[in-house]
Amino acid sequence: SSQLLKNRPDVQAAEYAFIAAFENTNVAKTYFYPSLTLTANGGFASFKIQELFSQSIFYNIIGGLTQPIFNKGQNKARLRTAKADQQIAFYQFQDAVLKSGMEVSNA
């Protein structure tokens, strides 16, 4: 009977929704860590020394490292929302399994 439940489309949809909500929670957790993106470009546009550091990699690195500090409230809210969505998806999955189990046993 568990194989019958596993093959039901409503149970599969609820299971995949729960898996997606779980992964969204993991994504929300990653916003607490700084992102580091490595890019490369080349060229020389000016001979003025004050413009040499205007496109410095230092500014890009500092911006990426401090981003989680300034967005901490938004990151916490994003994580709370993702955890709540995950809990809702879990309850919906549980409800789908219980209802389909009842339908299978009554059939």
N, C-alpha and C. Protein backbone atom coordinates (compact mmCIF):
# COMPACT_ATOMS: atom_id res chain seq x y z
N SER A 1 0.82 -1.20 0.00
CA SER A 1 0.00 0.00 0.00
C SER A 1 0.86 1.26 0.00
N SER A 2 2.08 1.17 0.55
CA SER A 2 2.95 2.35 0.52
C SER A 2 3.39 2.66 -0.90
N GLN A 3 3.53 1.64 -1.74
CA GLN A 3 3.88 1.87 -3.14
C GLN A 3 2.75 2.58 -3.87
N LEU A 4 1.51 2.23 -3.51
CA LEU A 4 0.36 2.92 -4.11
C LEU A 4 0.35 4.39 -3.72
N LEU A 5 0.68 4.67 -2.47
CA LEU A 5 0.71 6.05 -2.02
C LEU A 5 1.84 6.83 -2.70
N LYS A 6 2.96 6.16 -2.86
CA LYS A 6 4.12 6.82 -3.47
C LYS A 6 3.86 7.20 -4.93
N ASN A 7 3.04 6.42 -5.61
CA ASN A 7 2.78 6.67 -7.03
C ASN A 7 1.65 7.65 -7.28
N ARG A 8 0.96 8.05 -6.24
CA ARG A 8 -0.16 8.99 -6.43
C ARG A 8 0.37 10.37 -6.79
N PRO A 9 -0.23 11.02 -7.79
CA PRO A 9 0.26 12.35 -8.20
C PRO A 9 0.13 13.41 -7.11
N ASP A 10 -0.93 13.34 -6.29
CA ASP A 10 -1.08 14.35 -5.24
C ASP A 10 0.00 14.21 -4.17
N VAL A 11 0.39 12.98 -3.86
CA VAL A 11 1.45 12.76 -2.88
C VAL A 11 2.79 13.17 -3.46
N GLN A 12 3.01 12.86 -4.72
CA GLN A 12 4.27 13.25 -5.37
C GLN A 12 4.39 14.77 -5.45
N ALA A 13 3.30 15.44 -5.78
CA ALA A 13 3.33 16.91 -5.86
C ALA A 13 3.63 17.51 -4.49
N ALA A 14 3.00 16.97 -3.44
CA ALA A 14 3.26 17.48 -2.10
C ALA A 14 4.70 17.20 -1.67
N GLU A 15 5.21 16.04 -2.05
CA GLU A 15 6.59 15.69 -1.71
C GLU A 15 7.57 16.64 -2.39
N TYR A 16 7.36 16.90 -3.68
CA TYR A 16 8.27 17.79 -4.40
C TYR A 16 8.15 19.23 -3.91
N ALA A 17 6.95 19.63 -3.49
CA ALA A 17 6.80 20.97 -2.92
C ALA A 17 7.57 21.09 -1.61
N PHE A 18 7.55 20.01 -0.82
CA PHE A 18 8.30 20.01 0.44
C PHE A 18 9.81 20.05 0.17
N ILE A 19 10.26 19.27 -0.82
CA ILE A 19 11.68 19.28 -1.18
C ILE A 19 12.11 20.67 -1.65
N ALA A 20 11.27 21.31 -2.46
CA ALA A 20 11.59 22.66 -2.95
C ALA A 20 11.64 23.65 -1.80
N ALA A 21 10.72 23.54 -0.85
CA ALA A 21 10.72 24.44 0.30
C ALA A 21 11.96 24.22 1.17
N PHE A 22 12.37 22.97 1.30
CA PHE A 22 13.59 22.65 2.05
C PHE A 22 14.81 23.30 1.39
N GLU A 23 14.89 23.19 0.09
CA GLU A 23 16.02 23.79 -0.63
C GLU A 23 15.97 25.31 -0.57
N ASN A 24 14.78 25.88 -0.58
CA ASN A 24 14.67 27.34 -0.45
C ASN A 24 15.16 27.80 0.92
N THR A 25 14.95 26.99 1.94
CA THR A 25 15.49 27.30 3.27
C THR A 25 17.01 27.27 3.24
N ASN A 26 17.57 26.30 2.55
CA ASN A 26 19.04 26.24 2.42
C ASN A 26 19.58 27.45 1.67
N VAL A 27 18.86 27.88 0.64
CA VAL A 27 19.28 29.08 -0.10
C VAL A 27 19.22 30.30 0.80
N ALA A 28 18.17 30.40 1.61
CA ALA A 28 18.05 31.55 2.52
C ALA A 28 19.21 31.58 3.52
N LYS A 29 19.70 30.42 3.91
CA LYS A 29 20.84 30.36 4.84
C LYS A 29 22.12 30.88 4.19
N THR A 30 22.24 30.72 2.88
CA THR A 30 23.47 31.15 2.21
C THR A 30 23.60 32.67 2.16
N TYR A 31 22.49 33.39 2.33
CA TYR A 31 22.57 34.85 2.30
C TYR A 31 23.31 35.42 3.51
N PHE A 32 23.53 34.62 4.54
CA PHE A 32 24.26 35.08 5.71
C PHE A 32 25.77 35.08 5.47
N TYR A 33 26.22 34.46 4.41
CA TYR A 33 27.65 34.37 4.11
C TYR A 33 27.99 35.32 2.98
N PRO A 34 29.17 35.91 3.02
CA PRO A 34 29.55 36.83 1.94
C PRO A 34 29.76 36.07 0.63
N SER A 35 29.43 36.75 -0.43
CA SER A 35 29.66 36.14 -1.74
C SER A 35 30.93 36.73 -2.32
N LEU A 36 31.69 35.89 -2.93
CA LEU A 36 32.93 36.33 -3.56
C LEU A 36 32.87 35.91 -5.01
N THR A 37 32.89 36.89 -5.88
CA THR A 37 32.83 36.63 -7.31
C THR A 37 34.15 37.07 -7.93
N LEU A 38 34.77 36.16 -8.62
CA LEU A 38 36.03 36.49 -9.28
C LEU A 38 35.77 36.79 -10.74
N THR A 39 36.19 37.95 -11.14
CA THR A 39 36.06 38.34 -12.55
C THR A 39 37.42 38.87 -13.01
N ALA A 40 37.60 38.89 -14.28
CA ALA A 40 38.85 39.40 -14.83
C ALA A 40 38.54 40.28 -16.02
N ASN A 41 39.24 41.38 -16.09
CA ASN A 41 39.17 42.22 -17.28
C ASN A 41 40.51 42.92 -17.43
N GLY A 42 40.74 43.42 -18.56
CA GLY A 42 42.02 44.05 -18.80
C GLY A 42 41.86 45.32 -19.60
N GLY A 43 42.91 46.09 -19.61
CA GLY A 43 42.89 47.33 -20.38
C GLY A 43 43.52 48.45 -19.59
N PHE A 44 43.85 49.47 -20.28
CA PHE A 44 44.45 50.63 -19.66
C PHE A 44 43.84 51.84 -20.31
N ALA A 45 43.12 52.64 -19.51
CA ALA A 45 42.36 53.73 -20.09
C ALA A 45 42.94 55.11 -19.81
N SER A 46 43.80 55.24 -18.81
CA SER A 46 44.24 56.57 -18.46
C SER A 46 45.66 56.52 -17.90
N PHE A 47 46.36 57.60 -18.12
CA PHE A 47 47.69 57.72 -17.56
C PHE A 47 47.69 58.51 -16.26
N LYS A 48 46.52 58.97 -15.82
CA LYS A 48 46.44 59.75 -14.58
C LYS A 48 46.48 58.80 -13.40
N ILE A 49 47.33 59.09 -12.43
CA ILE A 49 47.53 58.20 -11.30
C ILE A 49 46.29 58.14 -10.40
N GLN A 50 45.53 59.24 -10.28
CA GLN A 50 44.35 59.21 -9.41
C GLN A 50 43.24 58.34 -10.00
N GLU A 51 43.24 58.09 -11.28
CA GLU A 51 42.24 57.22 -11.90
C GLU A 51 42.68 55.75 -11.92
N LEU A 52 43.91 55.49 -11.51
CA LEU A 52 44.41 54.13 -11.53
C LEU A 52 43.67 53.24 -10.55
N PHE A 53 43.29 53.79 -9.40
CA PHE A 53 42.62 53.00 -8.37
C PHE A 53 41.11 53.21 -8.34
N SER A 54 40.56 53.90 -9.30
CA SER A 54 39.12 54.15 -9.29
C SER A 54 38.32 52.88 -9.56
N GLN A 55 38.88 51.92 -10.25
CA GLN A 55 38.22 50.64 -10.52
C GLN A 55 38.95 49.52 -9.76
N SER A 56 39.33 49.80 -8.55
CA SER A 56 40.13 48.86 -7.79
C SER A 56 39.33 47.64 -7.37
N ILE A 57 40.00 46.49 -7.33
CA ILE A 57 39.37 45.25 -6.87
C ILE A 57 39.07 45.33 -5.38
N PHE A 58 39.80 46.18 -4.66
CA PHE A 58 39.59 46.33 -3.22
C PHE A 58 38.15 46.76 -2.92
N TYR A 59 37.61 47.67 -3.68
CA TYR A 59 36.25 48.15 -3.46
C TYR A 59 35.24 47.04 -3.71
N ASN A 60 35.49 46.23 -4.71
CA ASN A 60 34.59 45.12 -5.01
C ASN A 60 34.61 44.06 -3.91
N ILE A 61 35.77 43.75 -3.40
CA ILE A 61 35.89 42.74 -2.34
C ILE A 61 35.23 43.24 -1.06
N ILE A 62 35.48 44.48 -0.69
CA ILE A 62 34.88 45.03 0.53
C ILE A 62 33.36 45.06 0.39
N GLY A 63 32.86 45.43 -0.77
CA GLY A 63 31.42 45.44 -0.99
C GLY A 63 30.81 44.06 -0.84
N GLY A 64 31.45 43.04 -1.34
CA GLY A 64 30.95 41.68 -1.23
C GLY A 64 31.02 41.13 0.18
N LEU A 65 32.06 41.51 0.92
CA LEU A 65 32.23 41.01 2.28
C LEU A 65 31.31 41.69 3.28
N THR A 66 30.99 42.95 3.07
CA THR A 66 30.15 43.67 4.02
C THR A 66 28.67 43.55 3.70
N GLN A 67 28.31 43.04 2.57
CA GLN A 67 26.91 42.94 2.19
C GLN A 67 26.07 42.18 3.21
N PRO A 68 26.49 41.01 3.74
CA PRO A 68 25.67 40.32 4.73
C PRO A 68 25.50 41.11 6.03
N ILE A 69 26.45 41.96 6.37
CA ILE A 69 26.35 42.75 7.59
C ILE A 69 25.21 43.75 7.49
N PHE A 70 25.13 44.44 6.37
CA PHE A 70 24.12 45.48 6.21
C PHE A 70 22.74 44.91 5.89
N ASN A 71 22.66 43.68 5.42
CA ASN A 71 21.39 43.06 5.08
C ASN A 71 20.96 42.03 6.11
N LYS A 72 21.47 42.13 7.32
CA LYS A 72 21.21 41.09 8.31
C LYS A 72 19.73 40.98 8.64
N GLY A 73 19.03 42.09 8.80
CA GLY A 73 17.59 42.05 9.09
C GLY A 73 16.80 41.42 7.95
N GLN A 74 17.15 41.78 6.75
CA GLN A 74 16.48 41.20 5.58
C GLN A 74 16.80 39.71 5.47
N ASN A 75 18.02 39.34 5.77
CA ASN A 75 18.39 37.92 5.71
C ASN A 75 17.67 37.10 6.77
N LYS A 76 17.53 37.66 7.98
CA LYS A 76 16.79 36.96 9.02
C LYS A 76 15.32 36.78 8.64
N ALA A 77 14.74 37.83 8.08
CA ALA A 77 13.34 37.74 7.66
C ALA A 77 13.18 36.72 6.53
N ARG A 78 14.13 36.70 5.61
CA ARG A 78 14.09 35.74 4.50
C ARG A 78 14.17 34.31 5.03
N LEU A 79 15.02 34.09 6.02
CA LEU A 79 15.17 32.75 6.60
C LEU A 79 13.91 32.34 7.38
N ARG A 80 13.35 33.26 8.16
CA ARG A 80 12.11 32.95 8.89
C ARG A 80 10.98 32.60 7.93
N THR A 81 10.87 33.35 6.85
CA THR A 81 9.83 33.09 5.86
C THR A 81 10.05 31.74 5.20
N ALA A 82 11.29 31.44 4.85
CA ALA A 82 11.59 30.15 4.21
C ALA A 82 11.31 28.99 5.15
N LYS A 83 11.64 29.15 6.44
CA LYS A 83 11.35 28.08 7.40
C LYS A 83 9.85 27.89 7.58
N ALA A 84 9.11 28.99 7.60
CA ALA A 84 7.65 28.88 7.72
C ALA A 84 7.06 28.21 6.49
N ASP A 85 7.54 28.57 5.31
CA ASP A 85 7.07 27.93 4.08
C ASP A 85 7.41 26.44 4.08
N GLN A 86 8.58 26.10 4.60
CA GLN A 86 8.97 24.70 4.68
C GLN A 86 8.05 23.93 5.63
N GLN A 87 7.70 24.55 6.74
CA GLN A 87 6.80 23.90 7.69
C GLN A 87 5.42 23.70 7.09
N ILE A 88 4.94 24.70 6.36
CA ILE A 88 3.64 24.59 5.68
C ILE A 88 3.69 23.46 4.66
N ALA A 89 4.76 23.40 3.88
CA ALA A 89 4.89 22.35 2.87
C ALA A 89 4.95 20.98 3.52
N PHE A 90 5.61 20.88 4.68
CA PHE A 90 5.66 19.60 5.39
C PHE A 90 4.27 19.18 5.84
N TYR A 91 3.51 20.11 6.40
CA TYR A 91 2.15 19.78 6.84
C TYR A 91 1.25 19.41 5.66
N GLN A 92 1.44 20.08 4.54
CA GLN A 92 0.64 19.74 3.35
C GLN A 92 1.03 18.35 2.83
N PHE A 93 2.29 18.01 2.88
CA PHE A 93 2.74 16.68 2.48
C PHE A 93 2.16 15.62 3.42
N GLN A 94 2.24 15.89 4.70
CA GLN A 94 1.69 14.97 5.69
C GLN A 94 0.19 14.79 5.49
N ASP A 95 -0.52 15.88 5.23
CA ASP A 95 -1.95 15.82 4.99
C ASP A 95 -2.27 15.01 3.73
N ALA A 96 -1.47 15.22 2.67
CA ALA A 96 -1.69 14.47 1.43
C ALA A 96 -1.48 12.97 1.64
N VAL A 97 -0.45 12.61 2.41
CA VAL A 97 -0.18 11.19 2.67
C VAL A 97 -1.31 10.58 3.50
N LEU A 98 -1.77 11.30 4.53
CA LEU A 98 -2.82 10.77 5.37
C LEU A 98 -4.15 10.63 4.61
N LYS A 99 -4.48 11.65 3.81
CA LYS A 99 -5.74 11.57 3.04
C LYS A 99 -5.68 10.47 2.00
N SER A 100 -4.57 10.37 1.30
CA SER A 100 -4.47 9.33 0.27
C SER A 100 -4.42 7.94 0.92
N GLY A 101 -3.79 7.84 2.08
CA GLY A 101 -3.79 6.56 2.79
C GLY A 101 -5.18 6.14 3.19
N MET A 102 -5.97 7.11 3.61
CA MET A 102 -7.36 6.81 3.97
C MET A 102 -8.16 6.39 2.74
N GLU A 103 -7.93 7.09 1.61
CA GLU A 103 -8.63 6.72 0.37
C GLU A 103 -8.25 5.33 -0.11
N VAL A 104 -6.96 4.98 -0.01
CA VAL A 104 -6.49 3.67 -0.44
C VAL A 104 -7.05 2.58 0.46
N SER A 105 -7.08 2.83 1.77
CA SER A 105 -7.59 1.80 2.68
C SER A 105 -9.11 1.64 2.59
N ASN A 106 -9.81 2.70 2.18
CA ASN A 106 -11.26 2.62 2.03
C ASN A 106 -11.68 2.04 0.69
N ALA A 107 -10.76 1.97 -0.25
CA ALA A 107 -11.10 1.48 -1.59
C ALA A 107 -11.17 -0.02 -1.66
